[in-house]
């Protein structure tokens, strides 16, 4: 479950030394994974307007009530 925010609003508070980057396809998005457990806590890329953005995996953020959110369904197959 992802949410997006401008990169200036995003800050890594711990574990940066454990991150491994993966790039694929057009190599436009930096997919970052924990080298210890394999979870992708976030990715970094550009918004369509060119601004830097972060895609944050809300399952990795403390004190977020996922059941209270109303996620937008996306048909990735149609991209």
PDB file of N, CA and C in Angstrom:
ATOM      1  N   UNK A   1       0.861  -1.158   0.000  1.00  0.00           N
ATOM      2  CA  UNK A   1       0.000   0.000   0.000  1.00  0.00           C
ATOM      3  C   UNK A   1       0.911   1.226   0.000  1.00  0.00           C
ATOM      4  N   UNK A   2       0.890   1.937  -1.109  1.00  0.00           N
ATOM      5  CA  UNK A   2       1.799   3.068  -1.284  1.00  0.00           C
ATOM      6  C   UNK A   2       1.087   4.406  -1.142  1.00  0.00           C
ATOM      7  N   UNK A   3       1.846   5.369  -0.652  1.00  0.00           N
ATOM      8  CA  UNK A   3       1.427   6.761  -0.702  1.00  0.00           C
ATOM      9  C   UNK A   3       2.603   7.546  -1.265  1.00  0.00           C
ATOM     10  N   UNK A   4       2.311   8.663  -1.886  1.00  0.00           N
ATOM     11  CA  UNK A   4       3.338   9.444  -2.564  1.00  0.00           C
ATOM     12  C   UNK A   4       3.467  10.813  -1.917  1.00  0.00           C
ATOM     13  N   UNK A   5       4.699  11.290  -1.852  1.00  0.00           N
ATOM     14  CA  UNK A   5       4.968  12.591  -1.252  1.00  0.00           C
ATOM     15  C   UNK A   5       6.181  13.216  -1.953  1.00  0.00           C
ATOM     16  N   UNK A   6       6.242  14.527  -2.025  1.00  0.00           N
ATOM     17  CA  UNK A   6       7.448  15.162  -2.554  1.00  0.00           C
ATOM     18  C   UNK A   6       8.676  14.705  -1.750  1.00  0.00           C
ATOM     19  N   UNK A   7       9.786  14.529  -2.427  1.00  0.00           N
ATOM     20  CA  UNK A   7      11.001  14.008  -1.792  1.00  0.00           C
ATOM     21  C   UNK A   7      11.445  14.855  -0.601  1.00  0.00           C
ATOM     22  N   UNK A   8      11.193  16.150  -0.625  1.00  0.00           N
ATOM     23  CA  UNK A   8      11.626  16.997   0.494  1.00  0.00           C
ATOM     24  C   UNK A   8      10.842  16.706   1.773  1.00  0.00           C
ATOM     25  N   UNK A   9       9.707  16.019   1.662  1.00  0.00           N
ATOM     26  CA  UNK A   9       8.926  15.639   2.845  1.00  0.00           C
ATOM     27  C   UNK A   9       9.331  14.280   3.414  1.00  0.00           C
ATOM     28  N   UNK A  10      10.260  13.609   2.760  1.00  0.00           N
ATOM     29  CA  UNK A  10      10.639  12.246   3.126  1.00  0.00           C
ATOM     30  C   UNK A  10      12.020  12.234   3.780  1.00  0.00           C
ATOM     31  N   UNK A  11      12.136  11.512   4.886  1.00  0.00           N
ATOM     32  CA  UNK A  11      13.412  11.419   5.589  1.00  0.00           C
ATOM     33  C   UNK A  11      13.584   9.997   6.117  1.00  0.00           C
ATOM     34  N   UNK A  12      14.730   9.397   5.839  1.00  0.00           N
ATOM     35  CA  UNK A  12      15.060   8.079   6.379  1.00  0.00           C
ATOM     36  C   UNK A  12      15.618   8.298   7.779  1.00  0.00           C
ATOM     37  N   UNK A  13      15.037   7.660   8.768  1.00  0.00           N
ATOM     38  CA  UNK A  13      15.488   7.873  10.146  1.00  0.00           C
ATOM     39  C   UNK A  13      16.403   6.753  10.642  1.00  0.00           C
ATOM     40  N   UNK A  14      16.364   5.587  10.004  1.00  0.00           N
ATOM     41  CA  UNK A  14      17.291   4.520  10.385  1.00  0.00           C
ATOM     42  C   UNK A  14      17.327   3.464   9.291  1.00  0.00           C
ATOM     43  N   UNK A  15      18.404   2.692   9.269  1.00  0.00           N
ATOM     44  CA  UNK A  15      18.525   1.564   8.362  1.00  0.00           C
ATOM     45  C   UNK A  15      18.996   1.865   6.961  1.00  0.00           C
ATOM     46  N   UNK A  16      19.396   3.101   6.685  1.00  0.00           N
ATOM     47  CA  UNK A  16      19.824   3.452   5.330  1.00  0.00           C
ATOM     48  C   UNK A  16      20.988   2.573   4.857  1.00  0.00           C
ATOM     49  N   UNK A  17      21.846   2.168   5.788  1.00  0.00           N
ATOM     50  CA  UNK A  17      22.996   1.332   5.440  1.00  0.00           C
ATOM     51  C   UNK A  17      22.598  -0.080   5.026  1.00  0.00           C
ATOM     52  N   UNK A  18      21.350  -0.468   5.249  1.00  0.00           N
ATOM     53  CA  UNK A  18      20.865  -1.807   4.899  1.00  0.00           C
ATOM     54  C   UNK A  18      20.106  -1.826   3.566  1.00  0.00           C
ATOM     55  N   UNK A  19      19.967  -0.682   2.909  1.00  0.00           N
ATOM     56  CA  UNK A  19      19.181  -0.607   1.683  1.00  0.00           C
ATOM     57  C   UNK A  19      19.982  -1.039   0.461  1.00  0.00           C
ATOM     58  N   UNK A  20      19.286  -1.746  -0.420  1.00  0.00           N
ATOM     59  CA  UNK A  20      19.837  -2.172  -1.703  1.00  0.00           C
ATOM     60  C   UNK A  20      18.942  -1.615  -2.795  1.00  0.00           C
ATOM     61  N   UNK A  21      19.552  -1.031  -3.814  1.00  0.00           N
ATOM     62  CA  UNK A  21      18.787  -0.416  -4.899  1.00  0.00           C
ATOM     63  C   UNK A  21      18.605  -1.389  -6.058  1.00  0.00           C
ATOM     64  N   UNK A  22      17.420  -1.350  -6.658  1.00  0.00           N
ATOM     65  CA  UNK A  22      17.135  -2.148  -7.836  1.00  0.00           C
ATOM     66  C   UNK A  22      16.497  -1.242  -8.880  1.00  0.00           C
ATOM     67  N   UNK A  23      17.041  -1.268 -10.091  1.00  0.00           N
ATOM     68  CA  UNK A  23      16.500  -0.512 -11.219  1.00  0.00           C
ATOM     69  C   UNK A  23      16.123  -1.495 -12.316  1.00  0.00           C
ATOM     70  N   UNK A  24      15.006  -1.260 -12.980  1.00  0.00           N
ATOM     71  CA  UNK A  24      14.653  -2.110 -14.106  1.00  0.00           C
ATOM     72  C   UNK A  24      13.937  -1.283 -15.162  1.00  0.00           C
ATOM     73  N   UNK A  25      13.639  -1.903 -16.280  1.00  0.00           N
ATOM     74  CA  UNK A  25      12.951  -1.285 -17.403  1.00  0.00           C
ATOM     75  C   UNK A  25      13.662   0.001 -17.818  1.00  0.00           C
ATOM     76  N   UNK A  26      13.038   1.145 -17.678  1.00  0.00           N
ATOM     77  CA  UNK A  26      13.643   2.415 -18.099  1.00  0.00           C
ATOM     78  C   UNK A  26      14.565   3.012 -17.043  1.00  0.00           C
ATOM     79  N   UNK A  27      14.698   2.342 -15.908  1.00  0.00           N
ATOM     80  CA  UNK A  27      15.589   2.765 -14.820  1.00  0.00           C
ATOM     81  C   UNK A  27      15.282   4.184 -14.329  1.00  0.00           C
ATOM     82  N   UNK A  28      13.986   4.507 -14.278  1.00  0.00           N
ATOM     83  CA  UNK A  28      13.550   5.830 -13.836  1.00  0.00           C
ATOM     84  C   UNK A  28      13.207   5.873 -12.357  1.00  0.00           C
ATOM     85  N   UNK A  29      12.890   4.709 -11.763  1.00  0.00           N
ATOM     86  CA  UNK A  29      12.489   4.649 -10.359  1.00  0.00           C
ATOM     87  C   UNK A  29      13.511   3.833  -9.587  1.00  0.00           C
ATOM     88  N   UNK A  30      13.983   4.392  -8.481  1.00  0.00           N
ATOM     89  CA  UNK A  30      14.925   3.688  -7.604  1.00  0.00           C
ATOM     90  C   UNK A  30      14.113   2.871  -6.608  1.00  0.00           C
ATOM     91  N   UNK A  31      14.046   1.584  -6.818  1.00  0.00           N
ATOM     92  CA  UNK A  31      13.351   0.683  -5.896  1.00  0.00           C
ATOM     93  C   UNK A  31      14.355   0.298  -4.822  1.00  0.00           C
ATOM     94  N   UNK A  32      14.053   0.620  -3.574  1.00  0.00           N
ATOM     95  CA  UNK A  32      14.987   0.348  -2.480  1.00  0.00           C
ATOM     96  C   UNK A  32      14.433  -0.752  -1.590  1.00  0.00           C
ATOM     97  N   UNK A  33      15.263  -1.747  -1.330  1.00  0.00           N
ATOM     98  CA  UNK A  33      14.885  -2.923  -0.554  1.00  0.00           C
ATOM     99  C   UNK A  33      15.791  -3.071   0.646  1.00  0.00           C
ATOM    100  N   UNK A  34      15.259  -3.644   1.706  1.00  0.00           N
ATOM    101  CA  UNK A  34      16.061  -3.985   2.878  1.00  0.00           C
ATOM    102  C   UNK A  34      16.881  -5.222   2.521  1.00  0.00           C
ATOM    103  N   UNK A  35      18.201  -5.139   2.652  1.00  0.00           N
ATOM    104  CA  UNK A  35      19.067  -6.268   2.311  1.00  0.00           C
ATOM    105  C   UNK A  35      18.958  -7.403   3.319  1.00  0.00           C
ATOM    106  N   UNK A  36      18.367  -7.145   4.481  1.00  0.00           N
ATOM    107  CA  UNK A  36      18.220  -8.187   5.502  1.00  0.00           C
ATOM    108  C   UNK A  36      16.914  -8.970   5.335  1.00  0.00           C
ATOM    109  N   UNK A  37      15.793  -8.271   5.046  1.00  0.00           N
ATOM    110  CA  UNK A  37      14.498  -8.971   5.005  1.00  0.00           C
ATOM    111  C   UNK A  37      13.827  -8.961   3.633  1.00  0.00           C
ATOM    112  N   UNK A  38      14.283  -8.122   2.711  1.00  0.00           N
ATOM    113  CA  UNK A  38      13.733  -8.087   1.362  1.00  0.00           C
ATOM    114  C   UNK A  38      12.542  -7.181   1.147  1.00  0.00           C
ATOM    115  N   UNK A  39      12.071  -6.508   2.181  1.00  0.00           N
ATOM    116  CA  UNK A  39      10.918  -5.606   2.058  1.00  0.00           C
ATOM    117  C   UNK A  39      11.328  -4.346   1.299  1.00  0.00           C
ATOM    118  N   UNK A  40      10.404  -3.845   0.487  1.00  0.00           N
ATOM    119  CA  UNK A  40      10.629  -2.569  -0.199  1.00  0.00           C
ATOM    120  C   UNK A  40       9.892  -1.479   0.562  1.00  0.00           C
ATOM    121  N   UNK A  41      10.583  -0.740   1.449  1.00  0.00           N
ATOM    122  CA  UNK A  41       9.909   0.279   2.245  1.00  0.00           C
ATOM    123  C   UNK A  41       9.549   1.539   1.456  1.00  0.00           C
ATOM    124  N   UNK A  42      10.299   1.818   0.401  1.00  0.00           N
ATOM    125  CA  UNK A  42      10.006   3.013  -0.395  1.00  0.00           C
ATOM    126  C   UNK A  42      10.749   2.946  -1.721  1.00  0.00           C
ATOM    127  N   UNK A  43      10.379   3.847  -2.598  1.00  0.00           N
ATOM    128  CA  UNK A  43      11.063   4.042  -3.869  1.00  0.00           C
ATOM    129  C   UNK A  43      11.196   5.532  -4.109  1.00  0.00           C
ATOM    130  N   UNK A  44      12.105   5.901  -4.969  1.00  0.00           N
ATOM    131  CA  UNK A  44      12.321   7.307  -5.300  1.00  0.00           C
ATOM    132  C   UNK A  44      12.242   7.473  -6.815  1.00  0.00           C
ATOM    133  N   UNK A  45      11.568   8.541  -7.237  1.00  0.00           N
ATOM    134  CA  UNK A  45      11.438   8.794  -8.661  1.00  0.00           C
ATOM    135  C   UNK A  45      11.017  10.227  -8.906  1.00  0.00           C
ATOM    136  N   UNK A  46      10.452  10.457 -10.074  1.00  0.00           N
ATOM    137  CA  UNK A  46      10.002  11.800 -10.429  1.00  0.00           C
ATOM    138  C   UNK A  46       8.506  11.781 -10.701  1.00  0.00           C
ATOM    139  N   UNK A  47       7.855  12.824 -10.236  1.00  0.00           N
ATOM    140  CA  UNK A  47       6.437  13.068 -10.509  1.00  0.00           C
ATOM    141  C   UNK A  47       6.331  13.442 -11.988  1.00  0.00           C
ATOM    142  N   UNK A  48       5.175  13.240 -12.619  1.00  0.00           N
ATOM    143  CA  UNK A  48       5.043  13.639 -14.031  1.00  0.00           C
ATOM    144  C   UNK A  48       5.441  15.087 -14.318  1.00  0.00           C
ATOM    145  N   UNK A  49       5.335  15.978 -13.310  1.00  0.00           N
ATOM    146  CA  UNK A  49       5.748  17.371 -13.530  1.00  0.00           C
ATOM    147  C   UNK A  49       7.256  17.555 -13.394  1.00  0.00           C
ATOM    148  N   UNK A  50       7.996  16.470 -13.109  1.00  0.00           N
ATOM    149  CA  UNK A  50       9.454  16.529 -13.016  1.00  0.00           C
ATOM    150  C   UNK A  50       9.989  16.645 -11.605  1.00  0.00           C
ATOM    151  N   UNK A  51       9.143  16.927 -10.627  1.00  0.00           N
ATOM    152  CA  UNK A  51       9.589  17.050  -9.245  1.00  0.00           C
ATOM    153  C   UNK A  51       9.952  15.699  -8.639  1.00  0.00           C
ATOM    154  N   UNK A  52      10.944  15.690  -7.770  1.00  0.00           N
ATOM    155  CA  UNK A  52      11.360  14.463  -7.093  1.00  0.00           C
ATOM    156  C   UNK A  52      10.272  14.016  -6.126  1.00  0.00           C
ATOM    157  N   UNK A  53      10.017  12.697  -6.072  1.00  0.00           N
ATOM    158  CA  UNK A  53       8.996  12.189  -5.165  1.00  0.00           C
ATOM    159  C   UNK A  53       9.440  10.871  -4.544  1.00  0.00           C
ATOM    160  N   UNK A  54       8.799  10.551  -3.440  1.00  0.00           N
ATOM    161  CA  UNK A  54       9.006   9.270  -2.760  1.00  0.00           C
ATOM    162  C   UNK A  54       7.686   8.514  -2.754  1.00  0.00           C
ATOM    163  N   UNK A  55       7.762   7.221  -3.010  1.00  0.00           N
ATOM    164  CA  UNK A  55       6.606   6.324  -2.883  1.00  0.00           C
ATOM    165  C   UNK A  55       6.863   5.502  -1.632  1.00  0.00           C
ATOM    166  N   UNK A  56       6.056   5.696  -0.608  1.00  0.00           N
ATOM    167  CA  UNK A  56       6.290   5.095   0.706  1.00  0.00           C
ATOM    168  C   UNK A  56       5.325   3.930   0.926  1.00  0.00           C
ATOM    169  N   UNK A  57       5.872   2.781   1.313  1.00  0.00           N
ATOM    170  CA  UNK A  57       5.080   1.607   1.648  1.00  0.00           C
ATOM    171  C   UNK A  57       4.517   1.824   3.049  1.00  0.00           C
ATOM    172  N   UNK A  58       3.223   2.096   3.152  1.00  0.00           N
ATOM    173  CA  UNK A  58       2.616   2.404   4.449  1.00  0.00           C
ATOM    174  C   UNK A  58       2.673   1.234   5.424  1.00  0.00           C
ATOM    175  N   UNK A  59       2.877   0.031   4.931  1.00  0.00           N
ATOM    176  CA  UNK A  59       3.009  -1.119   5.828  1.00  0.00           C
ATOM    177  C   UNK A  59       4.330  -1.074   6.601  1.00  0.00           C
ATOM    178  N   UNK A  60       5.206  -0.162   6.228  1.00  0.00           N
ATOM    179  CA  UNK A  60       6.494  -0.016   6.911  1.00  0.00           C
ATOM    180  C   UNK A  60       6.527   1.199   7.830  1.00  0.00           C
ATOM    181  N   UNK A  61       5.413   1.887   7.965  1.00  0.00           N
ATOM    182  CA  UNK A  61       5.346   3.098   8.785  1.00  0.00           C
ATOM    183  C   UNK A  61       4.613   2.776  10.080  1.00  0.00           C
ATOM    184  N   UNK A  62       5.232   3.103  11.183  1.00  0.00           N
ATOM    185  CA  UNK A  62       4.618   2.837  12.488  1.00  0.00           C
ATOM    186  C   UNK A  62       3.369   3.680  12.700  1.00  0.00           C
ATOM    187  N   UNK A  63       2.422   3.103  13.443  1.00  0.00           N
ATOM    188  CA  UNK A  63       1.208   3.795  13.889  1.00  0.00           C
ATOM    189  C   UNK A  63       0.293   4.252  12.763  1.00  0.00           C
ATOM    190  N   UNK A  64       0.278   3.521  11.644  1.00  0.00           N
ATOM    191  CA  UNK A  64      -0.679   3.803  10.573  1.00  0.00           C
ATOM    192  C   UNK A  64      -1.767   2.749  10.644  1.00  0.00           C
ATOM    193  N   UNK A  65      -3.021   3.183  10.764  1.00  0.00           N
ATOM    194  CA  UNK A  65      -4.155   2.270  10.799  1.00  0.00           C
ATOM    195  C   UNK A  65      -4.588   1.996   9.358  1.00  0.00           C
ATOM    196  N   UNK A  66      -4.065   0.924   8.784  1.00  0.00           N
ATOM    197  CA  UNK A  66      -4.347   0.608   7.386  1.00  0.00           C
ATOM    198  C   UNK A  66      -5.835   0.389   7.133  1.00  0.00           C
ATOM    199  N   UNK A  67      -6.559  -0.120   8.116  1.00  0.00           N
ATOM    200  CA  UNK A  67      -7.991  -0.363   7.930  1.00  0.00           C
ATOM    201  C   UNK A  67      -8.791   0.939   7.826  1.00  0.00           C
ATOM    202  N   UNK A  68      -8.235   2.044   8.258  1.00  0.00           N
ATOM    203  CA  UNK A  68      -8.919   3.336   8.184  1.00  0.00           C
ATOM    204  C   UNK A  68      -8.714   4.033   6.839  1.00  0.00           C
ATOM    205  N   UNK A  69      -7.815   3.509   6.018  1.00  0.00           N
ATOM    206  CA  UNK A  69      -7.512   4.138   4.732  1.00  0.00           C
ATOM    207  C   UNK A  69      -8.464   3.653   3.648  1.00  0.00           C
ATOM    208  N   UNK A  70      -8.635   4.460   2.626  1.00  0.00           N
ATOM    209  CA  UNK A  70      -9.459   4.105   1.479  1.00  0.00           C
ATOM    210  C   UNK A  70      -8.563   4.112   0.241  1.00  0.00           C
ATOM    211  N   UNK A  71      -7.878   2.989   0.000  1.00  0.00           N
ATOM    212  CA  UNK A  71      -6.915   2.970  -1.109  1.00  0.00           C
ATOM    213  C   UNK A  71      -7.593   3.080  -2.471  1.00  0.00           C
ATOM    214  N   UNK A  72      -6.888   3.693  -3.403  1.00  0.00           N
ATOM    215  CA  UNK A  72      -7.345   3.801  -4.782  1.00  0.00           C
ATOM    216  C   UNK A  72      -6.847   2.550  -5.516  1.00  0.00           C
ATOM    217  N   UNK A  73      -7.769   1.811  -6.102  1.00  0.00           N
ATOM    218  CA  UNK A  73      -7.402   0.610  -6.846  1.00  0.00           C
ATOM    219  C   UNK A  73      -6.753   1.026  -8.168  1.00  0.00           C
ATOM    220  N   UNK A  74      -5.690   0.322  -8.557  1.00  0.00           N
ATOM    221  CA  UNK A  74      -4.968   0.619  -9.794  1.00  0.00           C
ATOM    222  C   UNK A  74      -4.843  -0.670 -10.600  1.00  0.00           C
ATOM    223  N   UNK A  75      -5.192  -0.601 -11.856  1.00  0.00           N
ATOM    224  CA  UNK A  75      -5.056  -1.744 -12.757  1.00  0.00           C
ATOM    225  C   UNK A  75      -3.704  -1.616 -13.460  1.00  0.00           C
ATOM    226  N   UNK A  76      -2.654  -2.083 -12.791  1.00  0.00           N
ATOM    227  CA  UNK A  76      -1.300  -1.981 -13.337  1.00  0.00           C
ATOM    228  C   UNK A  76      -1.112  -2.738 -14.638  1.00  0.00           C
ATOM    229  N   UNK A  77      -1.907  -3.761 -14.853  1.00  0.00           N
ATOM    230  CA  UNK A  77      -1.805  -4.558 -16.075  1.00  0.00           C
ATOM    231  C   UNK A  77      -2.100  -3.707 -17.321  1.00  0.00           C
ATOM    232  N   UNK A  78      -2.915  -2.686 -17.162  1.00  0.00           N
ATOM    233  CA  UNK A  78      -3.319  -1.850 -18.300  1.00  0.00           C
ATOM    234  C   UNK A  78      -2.357  -0.711 -18.606  1.00  0.00           C
ATOM    235  N   UNK A  79      -1.303  -0.574 -17.822  1.00  0.00           N
ATOM    236  CA  UNK A  79      -0.356   0.527 -18.073  1.00  0.00           C
ATOM    237  C   UNK A  79       0.373   0.319 -19.361  1.00  0.00           C
TER     238      UNK A  79
END
